[in-house]
């Protein structure tokens, strides 16, 4: 039963992420905000909400270990995803295929 609930939650998450991406495209085309701004601020902000709420909740109860573990775990999992894609696309280096237009987004992320 738990496995079925997990599969349903995963399917709902995939569906919601597809819709979120489509709505971000619509917002970027119908407003003066460019695709970079919508993707960097709105889309990245929306996908980071679970980590932010977990870190705020951990800070509210005074448990810094949960907040730090959440941040490190999330970052490590994102690196794991990139490493997985790099392993799958072994013949084509994933970062070399990225558009040069993403440099502004990367710099914004660094700052």
PDB file of N, CA and C in Angstrom:
ATOM      1  N   UNK A   1       0.822  -1.204   0.000  1.00  0.00           N
ATOM      2  CA  UNK A   1       0.000   0.000   0.000  1.00  0.00           C
ATOM      3  C   UNK A   1       0.869   1.272   0.000  1.00  0.00           C
ATOM      4  N   UNK A   2       1.932   1.232   0.791  1.00  0.00           N
ATOM      5  CA  UNK A   2       2.817   2.388   0.868  1.00  0.00           C
ATOM      6  C   UNK A   2       3.499   2.625  -0.478  1.00  0.00           C
ATOM      7  N   UNK A   3       3.850   1.536  -1.164  1.00  0.00           N
ATOM      8  CA  UNK A   3       4.495   1.645  -2.466  1.00  0.00           C
ATOM      9  C   UNK A   3       3.563   2.305  -3.481  1.00  0.00           C
ATOM     10  N   UNK A   4       2.284   1.976  -3.441  1.00  0.00           N
ATOM     11  CA  UNK A   4       1.305   2.568  -4.353  1.00  0.00           C
ATOM     12  C   UNK A   4       1.164   4.058  -4.080  1.00  0.00           C
ATOM     13  N   UNK A   5       1.135   4.439  -2.808  1.00  0.00           N
ATOM     14  CA  UNK A   5       1.044   5.863  -2.454  1.00  0.00           C
ATOM     15  C   UNK A   5       2.288   6.608  -2.934  1.00  0.00           C
ATOM     16  N   UNK A   6       3.451   5.965  -2.804  1.00  0.00           N
ATOM     17  CA  UNK A   6       4.687   6.589  -3.279  1.00  0.00           C
ATOM     18  C   UNK A   6       4.659   6.792  -4.789  1.00  0.00           C
ATOM     19  N   UNK A   7       4.218   5.789  -5.527  1.00  0.00           N
ATOM     20  CA  UNK A   7       4.147   5.893  -6.990  1.00  0.00           C
ATOM     21  C   UNK A   7       3.165   6.986  -7.392  1.00  0.00           C
ATOM     22  N   UNK A   8       2.031   7.079  -6.716  1.00  0.00           N
ATOM     23  CA  UNK A   8       1.062   8.139  -7.022  1.00  0.00           C
ATOM     24  C   UNK A   8       1.636   9.517  -6.711  1.00  0.00           C
ATOM     25  N   UNK A   9       2.339   9.644  -5.597  1.00  0.00           N
ATOM     26  CA  UNK A   9       2.959  10.923  -5.251  1.00  0.00           C
ATOM     27  C   UNK A   9       4.037  11.302  -6.262  1.00  0.00           C
ATOM     28  N   UNK A  10       4.818  10.324  -6.711  1.00  0.00           N
ATOM     29  CA  UNK A  10       5.852  10.594  -7.710  1.00  0.00           C
ATOM     30  C   UNK A  10       5.234  11.026  -9.036  1.00  0.00           C
ATOM     31  N   UNK A  11       4.152  10.360  -9.440  1.00  0.00           N
ATOM     32  CA  UNK A  11       3.476  10.732 -10.689  1.00  0.00           C
ATOM     33  C   UNK A  11       2.883  12.130 -10.578  1.00  0.00           C
ATOM     34  N   UNK A  12       2.298  12.452  -9.436  1.00  0.00           N
ATOM     35  CA  UNK A  12       1.742  13.792  -9.226  1.00  0.00           C
ATOM     36  C   UNK A  12       2.845  14.846  -9.248  1.00  0.00           C
ATOM     37  N   UNK A  13       3.996  14.521  -8.682  1.00  0.00           N
ATOM     38  CA  UNK A  13       5.120  15.457  -8.695  1.00  0.00           C
ATOM     39  C   UNK A  13       5.621  15.712 -10.107  1.00  0.00           C
ATOM     40  N   UNK A  14       5.728  14.668 -10.911  1.00  0.00           N
ATOM     41  CA  UNK A  14       6.175  14.828 -12.299  1.00  0.00           C
ATOM     42  C   UNK A  14       5.162  15.665 -13.087  1.00  0.00           C
ATOM     43  N   UNK A  15       3.876  15.377 -12.911  1.00  0.00           N
ATOM     44  CA  UNK A  15       2.840  16.143 -13.604  1.00  0.00           C
ATOM     45  C   UNK A  15       2.886  17.616 -13.191  1.00  0.00           C
ATOM     46  N   UNK A  16       3.011  17.868 -11.889  1.00  0.00           N
ATOM     47  CA  UNK A  16       3.058  19.253 -11.400  1.00  0.00           C
ATOM     48  C   UNK A  16       4.291  19.981 -11.912  1.00  0.00           C
ATOM     49  N   UNK A  17       5.424  19.293 -12.007  1.00  0.00           N
ATOM     50  CA  UNK A  17       6.632  19.957 -12.498  1.00  0.00           C
ATOM     51  C   UNK A  17       6.533  20.291 -13.977  1.00  0.00           C
ATOM     52  N   UNK A  18       5.892  19.419 -14.741  1.00  0.00           N
ATOM     53  CA  UNK A  18       5.683  19.719 -16.163  1.00  0.00           C
ATOM     54  C   UNK A  18       4.786  20.938 -16.319  1.00  0.00           C
ATOM     55  N   UNK A  19       3.699  20.985 -15.552  1.00  0.00           N
ATOM     56  CA  UNK A  19       2.788  22.136 -15.611  1.00  0.00           C
ATOM     57  C   UNK A  19       3.485  23.406 -15.145  1.00  0.00           C
ATOM     58  N   UNK A  20       4.293  23.303 -14.085  1.00  0.00           N
ATOM     59  CA  UNK A  20       5.012  24.466 -13.578  1.00  0.00           C
ATOM     60  C   UNK A  20       5.945  25.036 -14.641  1.00  0.00           C
ATOM     61  N   UNK A  21       6.618  24.171 -15.362  1.00  0.00           N
ATOM     62  CA  UNK A  21       7.513  24.610 -16.429  1.00  0.00           C
ATOM     63  C   UNK A  21       6.732  25.259 -17.575  1.00  0.00           C
ATOM     64  N   UNK A  22       5.590  24.676 -17.930  1.00  0.00           N
ATOM     65  CA  UNK A  22       4.764  25.259 -18.986  1.00  0.00           C
ATOM     66  C   UNK A  22       4.244  26.632 -18.579  1.00  0.00           C
ATOM     67  N   UNK A  23       3.805  26.769 -17.340  1.00  0.00           N
ATOM     68  CA  UNK A  23       3.302  28.064 -16.870  1.00  0.00           C
ATOM     69  C   UNK A  23       4.411  29.105 -16.803  1.00  0.00           C
ATOM     70  N   UNK A  24       5.638  28.678 -16.473  1.00  0.00           N
ATOM     71  CA  UNK A  24       6.769  29.611 -16.469  1.00  0.00           C
ATOM     72  C   UNK A  24       7.050  30.108 -17.882  1.00  0.00           C
ATOM     73  N   UNK A  25       6.920  29.242 -18.881  1.00  0.00           N
ATOM     74  CA  UNK A  25       7.088  29.672 -20.274  1.00  0.00           C
ATOM     75  C   UNK A  25       6.029  30.687 -20.667  1.00  0.00           C
ATOM     76  N   UNK A  26       4.799  30.466 -20.233  1.00  0.00           N
ATOM     77  CA  UNK A  26       3.717  31.396 -20.552  1.00  0.00           C
ATOM     78  C   UNK A  26       3.962  32.744 -19.887  1.00  0.00           C
ATOM     79  N   UNK A  27       4.372  32.722 -18.629  1.00  0.00           N
ATOM     80  CA  UNK A  27       4.643  33.974 -17.914  1.00  0.00           C
ATOM     81  C   UNK A  27       5.767  34.738 -18.597  1.00  0.00           C
ATOM     82  N   UNK A  28       6.824  34.035 -19.022  1.00  0.00           N
ATOM     83  CA  UNK A  28       7.939  34.736 -19.661  1.00  0.00           C
ATOM     84  C   UNK A  28       7.557  35.310 -21.016  1.00  0.00           C
ATOM     85  N   UNK A  29       6.632  34.671 -21.718  1.00  0.00           N
ATOM     86  CA  UNK A  29       6.252  35.199 -23.029  1.00  0.00           C
ATOM     87  C   UNK A  29       5.210  36.308 -22.936  1.00  0.00           C
ATOM     88  N   UNK A  30       4.392  36.321 -21.891  1.00  0.00           N
ATOM     89  CA  UNK A  30       3.323  37.320 -21.786  1.00  0.00           C
ATOM     90  C   UNK A  30       3.694  38.534 -20.949  1.00  0.00           C
ATOM     91  N   UNK A  31       4.815  38.485 -20.264  1.00  0.00           N
ATOM     92  CA  UNK A  31       5.235  39.628 -19.460  1.00  0.00           C
ATOM     93  C   UNK A  31       6.545  40.178 -19.989  1.00  0.00           C
ATOM     94  N   UNK A  32       6.975  41.278 -19.393  1.00  0.00           N
ATOM     95  CA  UNK A  32       8.243  41.883 -19.791  1.00  0.00           C
ATOM     96  C   UNK A  32       9.430  41.138 -19.193  1.00  0.00           C
ATOM     97  N   UNK A  33       9.143  40.236 -18.257  1.00  0.00           N
ATOM     98  CA  UNK A  33      10.232  39.437 -17.676  1.00  0.00           C
ATOM     99  C   UNK A  33      10.744  38.473 -18.734  1.00  0.00           C
ATOM    100  N   UNK A  34      12.023  38.330 -18.835  1.00  0.00           N
ATOM    101  CA  UNK A  34      12.579  37.396 -19.799  1.00  0.00           C
ATOM    102  C   UNK A  34      12.562  35.981 -19.259  1.00  0.00           C
ATOM    103  N   UNK A  35      12.943  35.053 -20.107  1.00  0.00           N
ATOM    104  CA  UNK A  35      12.988  33.662 -19.694  1.00  0.00           C
ATOM    105  C   UNK A  35      13.986  33.423 -18.578  1.00  0.00           C
ATOM    106  N   UNK A  36      15.094  34.179 -18.601  1.00  0.00           N
ATOM    107  CA  UNK A  36      16.088  34.009 -17.554  1.00  0.00           C
ATOM    108  C   UNK A  36      15.536  34.425 -16.201  1.00  0.00           C
ATOM    109  N   UNK A  37      14.824  35.551 -16.172  1.00  0.00           N
ATOM    110  CA  UNK A  37      14.276  36.028 -14.903  1.00  0.00           C
ATOM    111  C   UNK A  37      13.200  35.097 -14.372  1.00  0.00           C
ATOM    112  N   UNK A  38      12.325  34.647 -15.241  1.00  0.00           N
ATOM    113  CA  UNK A  38      11.249  33.751 -14.803  1.00  0.00           C
ATOM    114  C   UNK A  38      11.842  32.432 -14.326  1.00  0.00           C
ATOM    115  N   UNK A  39      12.804  31.898 -15.065  1.00  0.00           N
ATOM    116  CA  UNK A  39      13.412  30.637 -14.673  1.00  0.00           C
ATOM    117  C   UNK A  39      14.222  30.749 -13.405  1.00  0.00           C
ATOM    118  N   UNK A  40      14.968  31.853 -13.280  1.00  0.00           N
ATOM    119  CA  UNK A  40      15.832  32.019 -12.116  1.00  0.00           C
ATOM    120  C   UNK A  40      15.047  32.358 -10.863  1.00  0.00           C
ATOM    121  N   UNK A  41      14.107  33.258 -10.984  1.00  0.00           N
ATOM    122  CA  UNK A  41      13.389  33.705  -9.788  1.00  0.00           C
ATOM    123  C   UNK A  41      12.165  32.853  -9.481  1.00  0.00           C
ATOM    124  N   UNK A  42      11.264  32.737 -10.428  1.00  0.00           N
ATOM    125  CA  UNK A  42      10.002  32.066 -10.143  1.00  0.00           C
ATOM    126  C   UNK A  42      10.137  30.548 -10.130  1.00  0.00           C
ATOM    127  N   UNK A  43      10.684  29.992 -11.186  1.00  0.00           N
ATOM    128  CA  UNK A  43      10.762  28.535 -11.286  1.00  0.00           C
ATOM    129  C   UNK A  43      11.735  27.956 -10.255  1.00  0.00           C
ATOM    130  N   UNK A  44      12.899  28.541 -10.135  1.00  0.00           N
ATOM    131  CA  UNK A  44      13.863  28.051  -9.135  1.00  0.00           C
ATOM    132  C   UNK A  44      13.347  28.285  -7.726  1.00  0.00           C
ATOM    133  N   UNK A  45      12.671  29.408  -7.528  1.00  0.00           N
ATOM    134  CA  UNK A  45      12.100  29.670  -6.202  1.00  0.00           C
ATOM    135  C   UNK A  45      11.020  28.678  -5.830  1.00  0.00           C
ATOM    136  N   UNK A  46      10.181  28.342  -6.781  1.00  0.00           N
ATOM    137  CA  UNK A  46       9.102  27.390  -6.510  1.00  0.00           C
ATOM    138  C   UNK A  46       9.637  25.991  -6.239  1.00  0.00           C
ATOM    139  N   UNK A  47      10.677  25.606  -6.950  1.00  0.00           N
ATOM    140  CA  UNK A  47      11.219  24.266  -6.737  1.00  0.00           C
ATOM    141  C   UNK A  47      12.067  24.189  -5.471  1.00  0.00           C
ATOM    142  N   UNK A  48      12.475  25.327  -4.919  1.00  0.00           N
ATOM    143  CA  UNK A  48      13.261  25.327  -3.686  1.00  0.00           C
ATOM    144  C   UNK A  48      12.402  25.481  -2.436  1.00  0.00           C
ATOM    145  N   UNK A  49      11.108  25.648  -2.593  1.00  0.00           N
ATOM    146  CA  UNK A  49      10.241  25.859  -1.432  1.00  0.00           C
ATOM    147  C   UNK A  49      10.285  24.730  -0.403  1.00  0.00           C
ATOM    148  N   UNK A  50      10.339  23.459  -0.787  1.00  0.00           N
ATOM    149  CA  UNK A  50      10.420  22.415   0.257  1.00  0.00           C
ATOM    150  C   UNK A  50      11.672  22.536   1.127  1.00  0.00           C
ATOM    151  N   UNK A  51      12.811  22.832   0.523  1.00  0.00           N
ATOM    152  CA  UNK A  51      14.031  22.985   1.303  1.00  0.00           C
ATOM    153  C   UNK A  51      13.958  24.220   2.195  1.00  0.00           C
ATOM    154  N   UNK A  52      13.408  25.305   1.670  1.00  0.00           N
ATOM    155  CA  UNK A  52      13.297  26.525   2.459  1.00  0.00           C
ATOM    156  C   UNK A  52      12.369  26.317   3.653  1.00  0.00           C
ATOM    157  N   UNK A  53      11.225  25.683   3.420  1.00  0.00           N
ATOM    158  CA  UNK A  53      10.292  25.471   4.536  1.00  0.00           C
ATOM    159  C   UNK A  53      10.867  24.519   5.574  1.00  0.00           C
ATOM    160  N   UNK A  54      11.604  23.502   5.142  1.00  0.00           N
ATOM    161  CA  UNK A  54      12.242  22.595   6.096  1.00  0.00           C
ATOM    162  C   UNK A  54      13.301  23.319   6.909  1.00  0.00           C
ATOM    163  N   UNK A  55      14.103  24.149   6.268  1.00  0.00           N
ATOM    164  CA  UNK A  55      15.143  24.883   6.993  1.00  0.00           C
ATOM    165  C   UNK A  55      14.537  25.888   7.962  1.00  0.00           C
ATOM    166  N   UNK A  56      13.477  26.586   7.562  1.00  0.00           N
ATOM    167  CA  UNK A  56      12.817  27.525   8.478  1.00  0.00           C
ATOM    168  C   UNK A  56      12.172  26.804   9.651  1.00  0.00           C
ATOM    169  N   UNK A  57      11.557  25.669   9.387  1.00  0.00           N
ATOM    170  CA  UNK A  57      10.952  24.894  10.471  1.00  0.00           C
ATOM    171  C   UNK A  57      12.014  24.402  11.447  1.00  0.00           C
ATOM    172  N   UNK A  58      13.138  23.949  10.906  1.00  0.00           N
ATOM    173  CA  UNK A  58      14.225  23.486  11.768  1.00  0.00           C
ATOM    174  C   UNK A  58      14.783  24.636  12.601  1.00  0.00           C
ATOM    175  N   UNK A  59      14.899  25.810  11.996  1.00  0.00           N
ATOM    176  CA  UNK A  59      15.387  26.972  12.745  1.00  0.00           C
ATOM    177  C   UNK A  59      14.378  27.394  13.813  1.00  0.00           C
ATOM    178  N   UNK A  60      13.092  27.272  13.504  1.00  0.00           N
ATOM    179  CA  UNK A  60      12.056  27.666  14.465  1.00  0.00           C
ATOM    180  C   UNK A  60      12.059  26.772  15.699  1.00  0.00           C
ATOM    181  N   UNK A  61      12.396  25.484  15.531  1.00  0.00           N
ATOM    182  CA  UNK A  61      12.430  24.598  16.687  1.00  0.00           C
ATOM    183  C   UNK A  61      13.828  24.531  17.301  1.00  0.00           C
ATOM    184  N   UNK A  62      14.775  25.270  16.727  1.00  0.00           N
ATOM    185  CA  UNK A  62      16.117  25.351  17.282  1.00  0.00           C
ATOM    186  C   UNK A  62      16.994  24.149  16.977  1.00  0.00           C
ATOM    187  N   UNK A  63      16.762  23.497  15.863  1.00  0.00           N
ATOM    188  CA  UNK A  63      17.560  22.326  15.496  1.00  0.00           C
ATOM    189  C   UNK A  63      18.356  22.636  14.231  1.00  0.00           C
ATOM    190  N   UNK A  64      19.563  23.126  14.442  1.00  0.00           N
ATOM    191  CA  UNK A  64      20.413  23.509  13.310  1.00  0.00           C
ATOM    192  C   UNK A  64      20.887  22.300  12.523  1.00  0.00           C
ATOM    193  N   UNK A  65      20.974  21.137  13.162  1.00  0.00           N
ATOM    194  CA  UNK A  65      21.434  19.937  12.459  1.00  0.00           C
ATOM    195  C   UNK A  65      20.506  19.571  11.311  1.00  0.00           C
ATOM    196  N   UNK A  66      19.206  19.707  11.530  1.00  0.00           N
ATOM    197  CA  UNK A  66      18.248  19.395  10.462  1.00  0.00           C
ATOM    198  C   UNK A  66      18.395  20.390   9.313  1.00  0.00           C
ATOM    199  N   UNK A  67      18.556  21.664   9.644  1.00  0.00           N
ATOM    200  CA  UNK A  67      18.688  22.688   8.599  1.00  0.00           C
ATOM    201  C   UNK A  67      19.938  22.467   7.762  1.00  0.00           C
ATOM    202  N   UNK A  68      21.060  22.204   8.412  1.00  0.00           N
ATOM    203  CA  UNK A  68      22.313  21.990   7.680  1.00  0.00           C
ATOM    204  C   UNK A  68      22.244  20.687   6.890  1.00  0.00           C
ATOM    205  N   UNK A  69      21.702  19.630   7.491  1.00  0.00           N
ATOM    206  CA  UNK A  69      21.552  18.360   6.787  1.00  0.00           C
ATOM    207  C   UNK A  69      20.648  18.474   5.585  1.00  0.00           C
ATOM    208  N   UNK A  70      19.594  19.267   5.707  1.00  0.00           N
ATOM    209  CA  UNK A  70      18.684  19.499   4.580  1.00  0.00           C
ATOM    210  C   UNK A  70      19.403  20.209   3.446  1.00  0.00           C
ATOM    211  N   UNK A  71      20.165  21.238   3.785  1.00  0.00           N
ATOM    212  CA  UNK A  71      20.863  21.995   2.753  1.00  0.00           C
ATOM    213  C   UNK A  71      21.933  21.135   2.072  1.00  0.00           C
ATOM    214  N   UNK A  72      22.741  20.453   2.862  1.00  0.00           N
ATOM    215  CA  UNK A  72      23.808  19.637   2.283  1.00  0.00           C
ATOM    216  C   UNK A  72      23.218  18.468   1.491  1.00  0.00           C
ATOM    217  N   UNK A  73      22.188  17.829   2.036  1.00  0.00           N
ATOM    218  CA  UNK A  73      21.562  16.703   1.340  1.00  0.00           C
ATOM    219  C   UNK A  73      20.948  17.113   0.020  1.00  0.00           C
ATOM    220  N   UNK A  74      20.293  18.255  -0.004  1.00  0.00           N
ATOM    221  CA  UNK A  74      19.691  18.738  -1.243  1.00  0.00           C
ATOM    222  C   UNK A  74      20.753  19.057  -2.281  1.00  0.00           C
ATOM    223  N   UNK A  75      21.814  19.724  -1.862  1.00  0.00           N
ATOM    224  CA  UNK A  75      22.895  20.057  -2.791  1.00  0.00           C
ATOM    225  C   UNK A  75      23.579  18.804  -3.311  1.00  0.00           C
ATOM    226  N   UNK A  76      23.809  17.833  -2.437  1.00  0.00           N
ATOM    227  CA  UNK A  76      24.459  16.604  -2.874  1.00  0.00           C
ATOM    228  C   UNK A  76      23.577  15.819  -3.832  1.00  0.00           C
ATOM    229  N   UNK A  77      22.271  15.821  -3.581  1.00  0.00           N
ATOM    230  CA  UNK A  77      21.389  15.104  -4.490  1.00  0.00           C
ATOM    231  C   UNK A  77      21.360  15.774  -5.863  1.00  0.00           C
ATOM    232  N   UNK A  78      21.382  17.103  -5.904  1.00  0.00           N
ATOM    233  CA  UNK A  78      21.435  17.804  -7.189  1.00  0.00           C
ATOM    234  C   UNK A  78      22.727  17.468  -7.934  1.00  0.00           C
ATOM    235  N   UNK A  79      23.845  17.384  -7.220  1.00  0.00           N
ATOM    236  CA  UNK A  79      25.095  16.977  -7.857  1.00  0.00           C
ATOM    237  C   UNK A  79      25.026  15.533  -8.337  1.00  0.00           C
ATOM    238  N   UNK A  80      24.342  14.673  -7.581  1.00  0.00           N
ATOM    239  CA  UNK A  80      24.161  13.287  -7.990  1.00  0.00           C
ATOM    240  C   UNK A  80      23.373  13.209  -9.304  1.00  0.00           C
ATOM    241  N   UNK A  81      22.348  14.047  -9.443  1.00  0.00           N
ATOM    242  CA  UNK A  81      21.562  14.078 -10.682  1.00  0.00           C
ATOM    243  C   UNK A  81      22.453  14.489 -11.860  1.00  0.00           C
ATOM    244  N   UNK A  82      23.254  15.540 -11.678  1.00  0.00           N
ATOM    245  CA  UNK A  82      24.162  15.976 -12.746  1.00  0.00           C
ATOM    246  C   UNK A  82      25.186  14.894 -13.081  1.00  0.00           C
ATOM    247  N   UNK A  83      25.701  14.223 -12.059  1.00  0.00           N
ATOM    248  CA  UNK A  83      26.668  13.146 -12.314  1.00  0.00           C
ATOM    249  C   UNK A  83      26.004  11.992 -13.058  1.00  0.00           C
ATOM    250  N   UNK A  84      24.747  11.701 -12.729  1.00  0.00           N
ATOM    251  CA  UNK A  84      24.025  10.648 -13.429  1.00  0.00           C
ATOM    252  C   UNK A  84      23.829  10.972 -14.898  1.00  0.00           C
ATOM    253  N   UNK A  85      23.452  12.212 -15.186  1.00  0.00           N
ATOM    254  CA  UNK A  85      23.302  12.612 -16.589  1.00  0.00           C
ATOM    255  C   UNK A  85      24.642  12.583 -17.313  1.00  0.00           C
ATOM    256  N   UNK A  86      25.701  13.012 -16.620  1.00  0.00           N
ATOM    257  CA  UNK A  86      27.018  12.981 -17.240  1.00  0.00           C
ATOM    258  C   UNK A  86      27.441  11.545 -17.532  1.00  0.00           C
ATOM    259  N   UNK A  87      27.099  10.623 -16.651  1.00  0.00           N
ATOM    260  CA  UNK A  87      27.426   9.216 -16.874  1.00  0.00           C
ATOM    261  C   UNK A  87      26.620   8.646 -18.035  1.00  0.00           C
ATOM    262  N   UNK A  88      25.333   9.009 -18.115  1.00  0.00           N
ATOM    263  CA  UNK A  88      24.492   8.506 -19.202  1.00  0.00           C
ATOM    264  C   UNK A  88      24.897   9.083 -20.551  1.00  0.00           C
ATOM    265  N   UNK A  89      25.312  10.326 -20.552  1.00  0.00           N
ATOM    266  CA  UNK A  89      25.706  11.000 -21.792  1.00  0.00           C
ATOM    267  C   UNK A  89      27.229  11.061 -21.894  1.00  0.00           C
ATOM    268  N   UNK A  90      27.869   9.947 -21.654  1.00  0.00           N
ATOM    269  CA  UNK A  90      29.322   9.873 -21.555  1.00  0.00           C
ATOM    270  C   UNK A  90      30.027  10.428 -22.798  1.00  0.00           C
ATOM    271  N   UNK A  91      29.494  10.189 -23.961  1.00  0.00           N
ATOM    272  CA  UNK A  91      30.167  10.636 -25.196  1.00  0.00           C
ATOM    273  C   UNK A  91      29.977  12.126 -25.452  1.00  0.00           C
ATOM    274  N   UNK A  92      28.930  12.681 -24.883  1.00  0.00           N
ATOM    275  CA  UNK A  92      28.670  14.110 -25.056  1.00  0.00           C
ATOM    276  C   UNK A  92      28.743  14.762 -23.682  1.00  0.00           C
ATOM    277  N   UNK A  93      29.714  15.615 -23.464  1.00  0.00           N
ATOM    278  CA  UNK A  93      29.856  16.253 -22.159  1.00  0.00           C
ATOM    279  C   UNK A  93      28.711  17.238 -21.955  1.00  0.00           C
ATOM    280  N   UNK A  94      28.012  17.077 -20.836  1.00  0.00           N
ATOM    281  CA  UNK A  94      26.778  17.828 -20.615  1.00  0.00           C
ATOM    282  C   UNK A  94      27.036  19.327 -20.468  1.00  0.00           C
ATOM    283  N   UNK A  95      28.128  19.710 -19.797  1.00  0.00           N
ATOM    284  CA  UNK A  95      28.376  21.136 -19.600  1.00  0.00           C
ATOM    285  C   UNK A  95      28.864  21.818 -20.871  1.00  0.00           C
ATOM    286  N   UNK A  96      29.499  21.085 -21.755  1.00  0.00           N
ATOM    287  CA  UNK A  96      29.914  21.674 -23.025  1.00  0.00           C
ATOM    288  C   UNK A  96      28.732  21.904 -23.962  1.00  0.00           C
ATOM    289  N   UNK A  97      27.651  21.152 -23.751  1.00  0.00           N
ATOM    290  CA  UNK A  97      26.461  21.300 -24.591  1.00  0.00           C
ATOM    291  C   UNK A  97      25.545  22.419 -24.097  1.00  0.00           C
ATOM    292  N   UNK A  98      25.804  22.936 -22.909  1.00  0.00           N
ATOM    293  CA  UNK A  98      24.964  23.999 -22.362  1.00  0.00           C
ATOM    294  C   UNK A  98      25.173  25.284 -23.160  1.00  0.00           C
ATOM    295  N   UNK A  99      24.119  26.040 -23.298  1.00  0.00           N
ATOM    296  CA  UNK A  99      24.181  27.282 -24.056  1.00  0.00           C
ATOM    297  C   UNK A  99      24.996  28.333 -23.298  1.00  0.00           C
ATOM    298  N   UNK A 100      25.670  29.166 -24.031  1.00  0.00           N
ATOM    299  CA  UNK A 100      26.428  30.260 -23.413  1.00  0.00           C
ATOM    300  C   UNK A 100      25.493  31.286 -22.774  1.00  0.00           C
ATOM    301  N   UNK A 101      24.231  31.282 -23.144  1.00  0.00           N
ATOM    302  CA  UNK A 101      23.271  32.202 -22.540  1.00  0.00           C
ATOM    303  C   UNK A 101      23.039  31.877 -21.070  1.00  0.00           C
ATOM    304  N   UNK A 102      23.368  30.676 -20.634  1.00  0.00           N
ATOM    305  CA  UNK A 102      23.166  30.279 -19.244  1.00  0.00           C
ATOM    306  C   UNK A 102      24.233  30.830 -18.317  1.00  0.00           C
ATOM    307  N   UNK A 103      25.209  31.536 -18.867  1.00  0.00           N
ATOM    308  CA  UNK A 103      26.272  32.090 -18.033  1.00  0.00           C
ATOM    309  C   UNK A 103      25.704  33.122 -17.061  1.00  0.00           C
ATOM    310  N   UNK A 104      24.723  33.902 -17.489  1.00  0.00           N
ATOM    311  CA  UNK A 104      24.131  34.911 -16.608  1.00  0.00           C
ATOM    312  C   UNK A 104      23.394  34.254 -15.450  1.00  0.00           C
ATOM    313  N   UNK A 105      22.689  33.176 -15.720  1.00  0.00           N
ATOM    314  CA  UNK A 105      21.999  32.457 -14.665  1.00  0.00           C
ATOM    315  C   UNK A 105      22.995  31.839 -13.691  1.00  0.00           C
ATOM    316  N   UNK A 106      24.085  31.304 -14.201  1.00  0.00           N
ATOM    317  CA  UNK A 106      25.109  30.708 -13.345  1.00  0.00           C
ATOM    318  C   UNK A 106      25.749  31.771 -12.457  1.00  0.00           C
ATOM    319  N   UNK A 107      26.041  32.923 -13.015  1.00  0.00           N
ATOM    320  CA  UNK A 107      26.618  33.998 -12.216  1.00  0.00           C
ATOM    321  C   UNK A 107      25.649  34.473 -11.148  1.00  0.00           C
ATOM    322  N   UNK A 108      24.380  34.546 -11.486  1.00  0.00           N
ATOM    323  CA  UNK A 108      23.373  34.935 -10.495  1.00  0.00           C
ATOM    324  C   UNK A 108      23.306  33.909  -9.372  1.00  0.00           C
ATOM    325  N   UNK A 109      23.445  32.637  -9.711  1.00  0.00           N
ATOM    326  CA  UNK A 109      23.457  31.589  -8.699  1.00  0.00           C
ATOM    327  C   UNK A 109      24.680  31.656  -7.797  1.00  0.00           C
ATOM    328  N   UNK A 110      25.816  32.025  -8.362  1.00  0.00           N
ATOM    329  CA  UNK A 110      27.041  32.148  -7.571  1.00  0.00           C
ATOM    330  C   UNK A 110      26.927  33.303  -6.590  1.00  0.00           C
ATOM    331  N   UNK A 111      26.357  34.406  -7.066  1.00  0.00           N
ATOM    332  CA  UNK A 111      26.223  35.575  -6.182  1.00  0.00           C
ATOM    333  C   UNK A 111      25.154  35.329  -5.134  1.00  0.00           C
TER     334      UNK A 111
END
